[in-house]
Amino acid sequence: MNPKAHQPDSLPAPGPSALAQSEALIAQIRAELDAAGGWLPFDRYMERALYAPGLGYYSGGARKFGLRGDDGSDFVTAPELSPLFAATLARPVAEALRASGTREVMEFGAGTGKLAAGLLNALDALGAAGAEFDRYSIVDLSGELRERQRETIAAAAPALLAKVRWLDALPERFEGVVIGNEVLDAMPVRLFAHRGGVWHERGVAWRDGAFAFDDRPVAAAEDLARLAEIDATRDTLGEDYLTETHEAASAFTRTICAMLARGAILLIDYGFPRHEYYHGQRAQGTLMCHYRHRAHGDPFLYPGLQDITAHVEFTGIAEAGVETGADLLGFTSQARFLMNAGITEALGEIDPADTARFLPAANAVQKLLSEAEMGELFKVIAFSRGLDDTLRAFSSGDRSHTL
């Protein structure tokens, strides 16, 4: 593959070892593409680019999370931005543990381990209020990230490392609180394009020495029924339109909600309810790639070395959870969730006169809460079993009625 076929001039080139890893992944995907007759649906390509064992973005060794592109990272998440995120999230987690009478936390996609370390310390401090916990389980596909998580927790919460375990498979039954921060957006999506009055599924082919998009008319009745629902939502039927569907994220939600016997599930991610997601003004979809803290739209740039993501369609996530018999506990913006949970009180515990600590903390909280930053785009959706009431974090500003 010729990297120049996809590399924008504004993006830095990876080093030789990283390029070799990407080339190895390209060869694997090409072999699967050839075996499939020269066409793969986009979700299969995305799955391989992100999760191919040892070579995919999340299963390989490349650094992912950080504050700047020059540190080799590609994007920043809320736990990396401020320790106050974990300290605040610990409060509804502790509340759910108390309300359900359970004593275990499970985190999906724990990244560098900063959220886990922060939650471990905060939950331990809250233990005197009845939020004691016995175990913190982490589900992560990446061996490299597991090791980073272990190192982070050992450094930041050494006395609590013994409570942490890493799971290779999900238990059939779980009692406790499940957390997923920016997990749903990393699930593979299918792409569908509407042109000339006909829906096409957008897949991947190999042309002129590089991967390329290739559209095929949709024929499956199940797909046509789903796309008819999208047509009923958008108001620009006569125009070209591109969007995503989220079968993998919905299946994941059904799995963890079915697994939950008692407790709560908290999922935090960026996205919209269905009527906003499929609005005609969003005619180019939400697929986006992140490389060295720069966002762009080419998923074929350096496979295995960049993140590929799509916004979450939260109505479908809500439906998937409720289908299992779980209760929809709440749905709101990240800003409202964190404010209800007490993030401003946590910030207030830092002395404003200590400018070296207070100003960076205040700037980070502003990014977490601001409508122009993460506060409005990011949402929190929660499911529960065996809880008699909602959580304080959903006590005002709940938007479940918009789903």
Protein backbone atom coordinates (compact mmCIF):
# COMPACT_ATOMS: atom_id res chain seq x y z
CA MET A 1 0.00 0.00 0.00
CA ASN A 2 1.21 3.49 -0.82
CA PRO A 3 0.76 5.60 2.37
CA LYS A 4 0.68 8.78 0.28
CA ALA A 5 -2.60 7.57 -1.21
CA HIS A 6 -4.29 8.55 2.04
CA GLN A 7 -1.91 10.71 4.09
CA PRO A 8 -3.02 14.36 4.33
CA ASP A 9 -0.07 16.76 4.34
CA SER A 10 -1.11 18.06 7.77
CA LEU A 11 -0.71 14.69 9.50
CA PRO A 12 2.65 13.35 10.73
CA ALA A 13 3.95 10.09 9.32
CA PRO A 14 4.47 7.16 11.70
CA GLY A 15 7.87 5.59 12.24
CA PRO A 16 9.17 2.47 10.47
CA SER A 17 8.06 -0.06 13.12
CA ALA A 18 4.55 1.39 13.27
CA LEU A 19 4.33 1.39 9.49
CA ALA A 20 5.42 -2.26 9.45
CA GLN A 21 2.63 -3.10 11.89
CA SER A 22 0.11 -1.29 9.69
CA GLU A 23 1.37 -3.06 6.58
CA ALA A 24 0.97 -6.43 8.30
CA LEU A 25 -2.63 -5.58 9.19
CA ILE A 26 -3.30 -4.39 5.65
CA ALA A 27 -2.08 -7.75 4.33
CA GLN A 28 -4.43 -9.60 6.70
CA ILE A 29 -7.44 -7.50 5.71
CA ARG A 30 -6.59 -7.85 2.03
CA ALA A 31 -6.46 -11.64 2.37
CA GLU A 32 -9.90 -11.61 4.01
CA LEU A 33 -11.15 -9.22 1.35
CA ASP A 34 -9.94 -11.52 -1.44
CA ALA A 35 -11.50 -14.56 0.26
CA ALA A 36 -14.82 -12.68 0.45
CA GLY A 37 -14.84 -11.93 -3.29
CA GLY A 38 -13.34 -8.44 -3.17
CA TRP A 39 -15.83 -6.68 -0.87
CA LEU A 40 -16.25 -6.43 2.90
CA PRO A 41 -18.94 -4.52 4.80
CA PHE A 42 -17.44 -1.52 6.55
CA ASP A 43 -18.13 -2.84 10.05
CA ARG A 44 -15.93 -5.85 9.35
CA TYR A 45 -13.11 -3.61 8.13
CA MET A 46 -13.53 -1.38 11.22
CA GLU A 47 -13.49 -4.41 13.52
CA ARG A 48 -10.22 -5.64 12.01
CA ALA A 49 -8.64 -2.16 12.00
CA LEU A 50 -9.41 -1.69 15.69
CA TYR A 51 -9.27 -5.18 17.19
CA ALA A 52 -7.24 -7.59 15.04
CA PRO A 53 -5.13 -9.53 17.58
CA GLY A 54 -1.76 -7.86 18.06
CA LEU A 55 -2.20 -5.50 15.12
CA GLY A 56 -5.43 -3.56 15.57
CA TYR A 57 -5.55 -0.10 17.09
CA TYR A 58 -6.87 -1.24 20.48
CA SER A 59 -5.16 -4.63 20.53
CA GLY A 60 -1.73 -3.46 19.35
CA GLY A 61 0.93 -1.53 21.24
CA ALA A 62 0.45 2.03 20.00
CA ARG A 63 -0.15 4.72 22.59
CA LYS A 64 -3.72 6.02 22.43
CA PHE A 65 -4.62 8.25 25.36
CA GLY A 66 -2.82 11.46 26.25
CA LEU A 67 -2.96 15.23 26.32
CA ARG A 68 -0.88 16.16 23.24
CA GLY A 69 0.01 14.76 19.85
CA ASP A 70 3.73 15.09 20.52
CA ASP A 71 3.50 12.49 23.30
CA GLY A 72 2.46 9.89 20.71
CA SER A 73 -1.21 9.82 21.74
CA ASP A 74 -4.26 10.39 19.57
CA PHE A 75 -7.00 11.73 21.83
CA VAL A 76 -7.83 12.61 25.42
CA THR A 77 -10.67 11.20 27.53
CA ALA A 78 -12.33 12.70 30.59
CA PRO A 79 -10.35 10.62 33.14
CA GLU A 80 -7.10 11.79 31.50
CA LEU A 81 -8.31 15.39 31.56
CA SER A 82 -9.02 15.63 35.28
CA PRO A 83 -8.95 13.40 38.38
CA LEU A 84 -12.16 15.16 39.44
CA PHE A 85 -14.02 13.13 36.80
CA ALA A 86 -13.30 9.85 38.60
CA ALA A 87 -13.79 11.42 42.03
CA THR A 88 -17.24 12.65 40.97
CA LEU A 89 -18.27 9.48 39.13
CA ALA A 90 -17.45 7.52 42.28
CA ARG A 91 -20.41 9.13 44.06
CA PRO A 92 -23.20 7.66 41.87
CA VAL A 93 -21.25 4.40 41.70
CA ALA A 94 -21.16 4.27 45.50
CA GLU A 95 -24.84 5.22 45.67
CA ALA A 96 -25.74 2.36 43.29
CA LEU A 97 -23.65 -0.11 45.30
CA ARG A 98 -25.45 0.89 48.49
CA ALA A 99 -28.91 0.86 46.89
CA SER A 100 -28.41 -2.57 45.33
CA GLY A 101 -26.55 -4.11 48.25
CA THR A 102 -23.74 -5.21 45.93
CA ARG A 103 -19.96 -5.01 46.31
CA GLU A 104 -18.31 -5.23 42.89
CA VAL A 105 -17.47 -2.79 40.09
CA MET A 106 -16.77 -3.82 36.48
CA GLU A 107 -15.18 -1.44 33.98
CA PHE A 108 -15.07 -1.96 30.22
CA GLY A 109 -12.24 -0.48 28.18
CA ALA A 110 -10.22 0.93 31.07
CA GLY A 111 -7.71 2.78 28.87
CA THR A 112 -4.59 3.77 30.80
CA GLY A 113 -6.18 2.82 34.12
CA LYS A 114 -6.58 6.40 35.34
CA LEU A 115 -10.34 6.07 35.78
CA ALA A 116 -9.92 2.76 37.59
CA ALA A 117 -7.26 4.17 39.91
CA GLY A 118 -9.33 7.27 40.63
CA LEU A 119 -12.48 5.25 41.30
CA LEU A 120 -10.61 2.79 43.53
CA ASN A 121 -9.28 5.58 45.72
CA ALA A 122 -12.55 7.51 45.80
CA LEU A 123 -14.67 4.44 46.53
CA ASP A 124 -12.27 3.40 49.25
CA ALA A 125 -12.67 6.84 50.83
CA LEU A 126 -16.44 6.55 50.54
CA GLY A 127 -16.43 3.10 52.13
CA ALA A 128 -17.10 4.57 55.53
CA ALA A 129 -20.46 5.73 54.17
CA GLY A 130 -21.51 2.17 53.37
CA ALA A 131 -20.09 1.91 49.85
CA GLU A 132 -17.56 -0.81 50.60
CA PHE A 133 -16.56 -2.99 47.66
CA ASP A 134 -14.74 -6.27 47.39
CA ARG A 135 -13.56 -6.33 43.80
CA TYR A 136 -12.87 -4.15 40.76
CA SER A 137 -12.99 -6.14 37.51
CA ILE A 138 -11.63 -4.82 34.22
CA VAL A 139 -12.56 -6.10 30.76
CA ASP A 140 -10.04 -5.01 28.12
CA LEU A 141 -8.92 -6.78 24.95
CA SER A 142 -5.48 -5.18 24.82
CA GLY A 143 -2.65 -6.93 26.64
CA GLU A 144 -0.56 -3.76 26.32
CA LEU A 145 -3.30 -1.66 27.90
CA ARG A 146 -3.81 -4.21 30.67
CA GLU A 147 -0.17 -3.83 31.63
CA ARG A 148 -0.44 -0.03 31.57
CA GLN A 149 -3.55 -0.25 33.73
CA ARG A 150 -1.76 -2.44 36.23
CA GLU A 151 1.16 -0.01 36.38
CA THR A 152 -1.13 3.01 36.79
CA ILE A 153 -3.14 1.40 39.58
CA ALA A 154 0.00 0.13 41.33
CA ALA A 155 1.40 3.68 41.34
CA ALA A 156 -1.79 5.57 42.24
CA ALA A 157 -3.67 3.07 44.42
CA PRO A 158 -1.12 0.45 45.54
CA ALA A 159 -3.07 -0.67 48.59
CA LEU A 160 -6.08 -1.48 46.40
CA LEU A 161 -4.38 -3.35 43.55
CA ALA A 162 -5.22 -6.67 45.22
CA LYS A 163 -8.92 -5.95 44.65
CA VAL A 164 -8.43 -5.65 40.86
CA ARG A 165 -8.77 -8.51 38.40
CA TRP A 166 -8.73 -8.63 34.61
CA LEU A 167 -11.36 -10.78 32.89
CA ASP A 168 -10.89 -12.74 29.68
CA ALA A 169 -14.60 -13.57 29.46
CA LEU A 170 -17.80 -12.14 30.90
CA PRO A 171 -19.54 -13.91 33.76
CA GLU A 172 -23.02 -15.23 33.04
CA ARG A 173 -24.34 -13.29 36.02
CA PHE A 174 -23.07 -10.09 37.63
CA GLU A 175 -24.16 -8.15 40.70
CA GLY A 176 -22.69 -4.69 41.08
CA VAL A 177 -22.04 -1.58 39.00
CA VAL A 178 -20.82 -1.67 35.40
CA ILE A 179 -19.00 1.33 33.91
CA GLY A 180 -18.16 2.06 30.28
CA ASN A 181 -16.56 5.41 29.44
CA GLU A 182 -16.19 5.95 25.67
CA VAL A 183 -16.74 2.29 24.88
CA LEU A 184 -19.83 2.39 22.65
CA ASP A 185 -18.28 4.81 20.15
CA ALA A 186 -15.48 2.31 19.47
CA MET A 187 -17.89 -0.43 18.41
CA PRO A 188 -17.87 -1.20 14.65
CA VAL A 189 -20.64 0.46 12.65
CA ARG A 190 -22.25 -0.28 9.30
CA LEU A 191 -22.40 2.51 6.73
CA PHE A 192 -25.40 3.16 4.47
CA ALA A 193 -25.62 5.70 1.65
CA HIS A 194 -28.86 6.91 0.06
CA ARG A 195 -28.38 8.01 -3.55
CA GLY A 196 -30.89 8.46 -6.34
CA GLY A 197 -33.69 7.14 -4.17
CA VAL A 198 -31.86 3.86 -3.45
CA TRP A 199 -30.13 2.72 -0.27
CA HIS A 200 -26.62 1.23 -0.63
CA GLU A 201 -24.43 -0.43 1.97
CA ARG A 202 -20.99 1.11 1.93
CA GLY A 203 -18.26 -1.46 2.06
CA VAL A 204 -14.55 -1.73 1.38
CA ALA A 205 -12.70 -2.81 -1.78
CA TRP A 206 -9.08 -2.65 -2.96
CA ARG A 207 -8.36 -0.28 -5.84
CA ASP A 208 -5.14 1.19 -7.22
CA GLY A 209 -3.03 -0.08 -4.36
CA ALA A 210 -5.23 1.15 -1.52
CA PHE A 211 -8.48 0.46 0.31
CA ALA A 212 -11.47 2.36 -1.05
CA PHE A 213 -15.19 2.68 -0.36
CA ASP A 214 -17.48 0.59 -2.55
CA ASP A 215 -21.29 0.78 -2.40
CA ARG A 216 -23.73 -2.05 -3.11
CA PRO A 217 -27.54 -1.77 -3.26
CA VAL A 218 -29.29 -3.04 -0.14
CA ALA A 219 -31.42 -6.14 -0.70
CA ALA A 220 -31.91 -7.75 2.72
CA ALA A 221 -35.44 -7.20 4.06
CA GLU A 222 -34.19 -6.64 7.62
CA ASP A 223 -31.83 -3.89 6.46
CA LEU A 224 -34.50 -2.26 4.31
CA ALA A 225 -36.90 -2.19 7.25
CA ARG A 226 -34.28 -0.52 9.46
CA LEU A 227 -33.49 2.01 6.74
CA ALA A 228 -37.19 2.77 6.29
CA GLU A 229 -37.23 3.81 9.97
CA ILE A 230 -34.35 6.17 9.25
CA ASP A 231 -36.25 7.58 6.26
CA ALA A 232 -39.18 8.27 8.57
CA THR A 233 -36.89 10.26 10.88
CA ARG A 234 -35.00 12.45 8.42
CA ASP A 235 -36.71 15.18 6.41
CA THR A 236 -34.48 15.34 3.32
CA LEU A 237 -35.57 12.26 1.40
CA GLY A 238 -34.68 13.70 -1.99
CA GLU A 239 -31.04 14.38 -1.14
CA ASP A 240 -27.92 12.24 -0.89
CA TYR A 241 -27.43 10.97 2.63
CA LEU A 242 -24.85 8.90 4.53
CA THR A 243 -25.26 7.44 7.99
CA GLU A 244 -24.35 4.61 10.34
CA THR A 245 -26.22 1.83 12.10
CA HIS A 246 -25.04 0.39 15.40
CA GLU A 247 -25.69 -3.34 15.56
CA ALA A 248 -22.50 -4.06 17.53
CA ALA A 249 -23.16 -1.42 20.20
CA SER A 250 -26.75 -2.61 20.59
CA ALA A 251 -25.62 -6.23 20.89
CA PHE A 252 -23.04 -5.23 23.52
CA THR A 253 -25.72 -3.38 25.49
CA ARG A 254 -28.05 -6.38 25.38
CA THR A 255 -25.24 -8.65 26.57
CA ILE A 256 -24.25 -6.60 29.61
CA CYS A 257 -27.87 -5.81 30.55
CA ALA A 258 -28.72 -9.52 30.38
CA MET A 259 -25.63 -10.25 32.49
CA LEU A 260 -26.70 -7.77 35.18
CA ALA A 261 -28.63 -9.61 37.87
CA ARG A 262 -28.68 -6.73 40.33
CA GLY A 263 -27.10 -3.27 40.30
CA ALA A 264 -26.57 -0.60 37.65
CA ILE A 265 -24.83 0.08 34.34
CA LEU A 266 -23.42 3.55 33.54
CA LEU A 267 -22.38 4.24 29.93
CA ILE A 268 -20.80 7.59 29.03
CA ASP A 269 -20.22 8.60 25.42
CA TYR A 270 -20.85 11.20 22.74
CA GLY A 271 -23.97 11.00 20.61
CA PHE A 272 -27.62 11.83 20.17
CA PRO A 273 -31.15 10.40 20.51
CA ARG A 274 -32.47 8.87 17.28
CA HIS A 275 -34.49 11.90 16.12
CA GLU A 276 -31.33 14.02 16.31
CA TYR A 277 -28.93 11.37 15.05
CA TYR A 278 -30.79 10.74 11.79
CA HIS A 279 -31.84 14.33 11.19
CA GLY A 280 -31.47 15.41 7.59
CA GLN A 281 -28.92 18.07 8.51
CA ARG A 282 -26.51 15.32 9.57
CA ALA A 283 -26.31 14.09 5.98
CA GLN A 284 -22.66 13.02 6.03
CA GLY A 285 -22.90 10.75 9.06
CA THR A 286 -20.67 10.90 12.13
CA LEU A 287 -17.77 8.59 11.27
CA MET A 288 -14.51 10.18 12.39
CA CYS A 289 -10.87 9.20 12.83
CA HIS A 290 -8.33 10.47 15.35
CA TYR A 291 -4.59 10.50 14.81
CA ARG A 292 -2.15 12.55 16.91
CA HIS A 293 -4.99 14.69 18.29
CA ARG A 294 -6.19 15.61 14.82
CA ALA A 295 -9.61 14.59 13.56
CA HIS A 296 -10.15 13.61 9.94
CA GLY A 297 -12.50 11.49 7.85
CA ASP A 298 -10.28 8.85 6.22
CA PRO A 299 -10.61 5.41 7.88
CA PHE A 300 -8.07 3.94 5.47
CA LEU A 301 -5.15 6.03 6.73
CA TYR A 302 -2.62 3.79 8.52
CA PRO A 303 -4.95 0.91 9.52
CA GLY A 304 -4.21 -0.15 13.07
CA LEU A 305 -2.50 3.12 13.97
CA GLN A 306 -5.49 5.46 14.26
CA ASP A 307 -8.81 5.47 16.06
CA ILE A 308 -12.02 5.04 14.05
CA THR A 309 -15.20 6.08 15.82
CA ALA A 310 -18.82 7.10 15.35
CA HIS A 311 -21.26 8.97 17.56
CA VAL A 312 -23.70 6.81 19.51
CA GLU A 313 -27.39 6.56 18.61
CA PHE A 314 -28.74 6.43 22.16
CA THR A 315 -32.35 5.52 21.39
CA GLY A 316 -31.16 2.20 19.99
CA ILE A 317 -28.98 1.67 23.06
CA ALA A 318 -31.97 2.34 25.34
CA GLU A 319 -34.15 -0.08 23.38
CA ALA A 320 -31.49 -2.80 23.49
CA GLY A 321 -31.19 -2.56 27.28
CA VAL A 322 -34.91 -2.45 27.97
CA GLU A 323 -35.46 -5.47 25.69
CA THR A 324 -33.59 -7.58 28.25
CA GLY A 325 -35.93 -6.52 31.05
CA ALA A 326 -33.52 -4.00 32.56
CA ASP A 327 -34.89 -0.66 33.76
CA LEU A 328 -33.82 2.55 32.05
CA LEU A 329 -32.39 4.39 35.05
CA GLY A 330 -31.71 7.70 33.33
CA PHE A 331 -30.34 9.61 30.34
CA THR A 332 -28.83 13.06 30.53
CA SER A 333 -25.92 15.23 29.43
CA GLN A 334 -22.51 14.72 30.95
CA ALA A 335 -22.63 18.26 32.33
CA ARG A 336 -25.92 17.71 34.16
CA PHE A 337 -24.82 14.28 35.41
CA LEU A 338 -21.54 15.60 36.84
CA MET A 339 -23.14 18.68 38.37
CA ASN A 340 -25.86 16.59 40.01
CA ALA A 341 -23.16 14.24 41.29
CA GLY A 342 -21.24 17.12 42.89
CA ILE A 343 -18.29 18.02 40.65
CA THR A 344 -18.48 21.70 41.56
CA GLU A 345 -18.36 20.78 45.25
CA ALA A 346 -15.30 18.63 44.54
CA LEU A 347 -13.65 21.56 42.76
CA GLY A 348 -14.55 23.77 45.71
CA GLU A 349 -12.46 21.58 48.00
CA ILE A 350 -9.33 22.93 46.24
CA ASP A 351 -8.12 26.23 47.72
CA PRO A 352 -8.46 28.95 45.01
CA ALA A 353 -5.43 30.63 46.53
CA ASP A 354 -3.39 27.60 45.47
CA THR A 355 -3.39 28.72 41.84
CA ALA A 356 -0.99 26.01 40.71
CA ARG A 357 -3.64 23.40 41.61
CA PHE A 358 -6.88 25.32 41.31
CA LEU A 359 -6.54 26.93 37.86
CA PRO A 360 -5.73 23.68 35.96
CA ALA A 361 -8.53 21.90 37.86
CA ALA A 362 -11.01 24.68 37.08
CA ASN A 363 -10.04 24.68 33.39
CA ALA A 364 -10.50 20.92 33.18
CA VAL A 365 -13.91 21.07 34.87
CA GLN A 366 -14.92 23.80 32.43
CA LYS A 367 -14.10 21.46 29.53
CA LEU A 368 -16.07 18.63 31.14
CA LEU A 369 -19.15 20.84 31.64
CA SER A 370 -19.13 23.41 28.83
CA GLU A 371 -21.67 23.05 26.01
CA ALA A 372 -18.89 24.05 23.62
CA GLU A 373 -16.62 21.26 24.89
CA MET A 374 -17.74 17.89 26.34
CA GLY A 375 -20.67 18.92 28.53
CA GLU A 376 -23.47 18.68 25.97
CA LEU A 377 -22.15 16.35 23.28
CA PHE A 378 -21.36 13.64 25.83
CA LYS A 379 -24.31 11.85 27.40
CA VAL A 380 -24.76 9.37 30.24
CA ILE A 381 -27.26 6.52 29.90
CA ALA A 382 -27.90 4.10 32.75
CA PHE A 383 -29.76 0.81 33.27
CA SER A 384 -30.55 -1.00 36.48
CA ARG A 385 -32.07 -4.07 38.10
CA GLY A 386 -33.20 -4.17 41.72
CA LEU A 387 -32.92 -0.44 42.40
CA ASP A 388 -36.04 1.12 43.88
CA ASP A 389 -35.20 4.69 42.91
CA THR A 390 -33.03 6.72 40.54
CA LEU A 391 -29.61 8.10 41.38
CA ARG A 392 -28.91 11.65 42.51
CA ALA A 393 -26.95 12.17 39.28
CA PHE A 394 -30.25 11.89 37.35
CA SER A 395 -32.35 13.82 39.87
CA SER A 396 -32.68 16.83 37.54
CA GLY A 397 -32.28 17.24 33.83
CA ASP A 398 -33.19 13.65 32.96
CA ARG A 399 -33.85 13.38 29.20
CA SER A 400 -35.17 9.83 29.02
CA HIS A 401 -38.34 11.20 27.42
CA THR A 402 -36.31 12.31 24.37
CA LEU A 403 -35.16 8.79 23.48
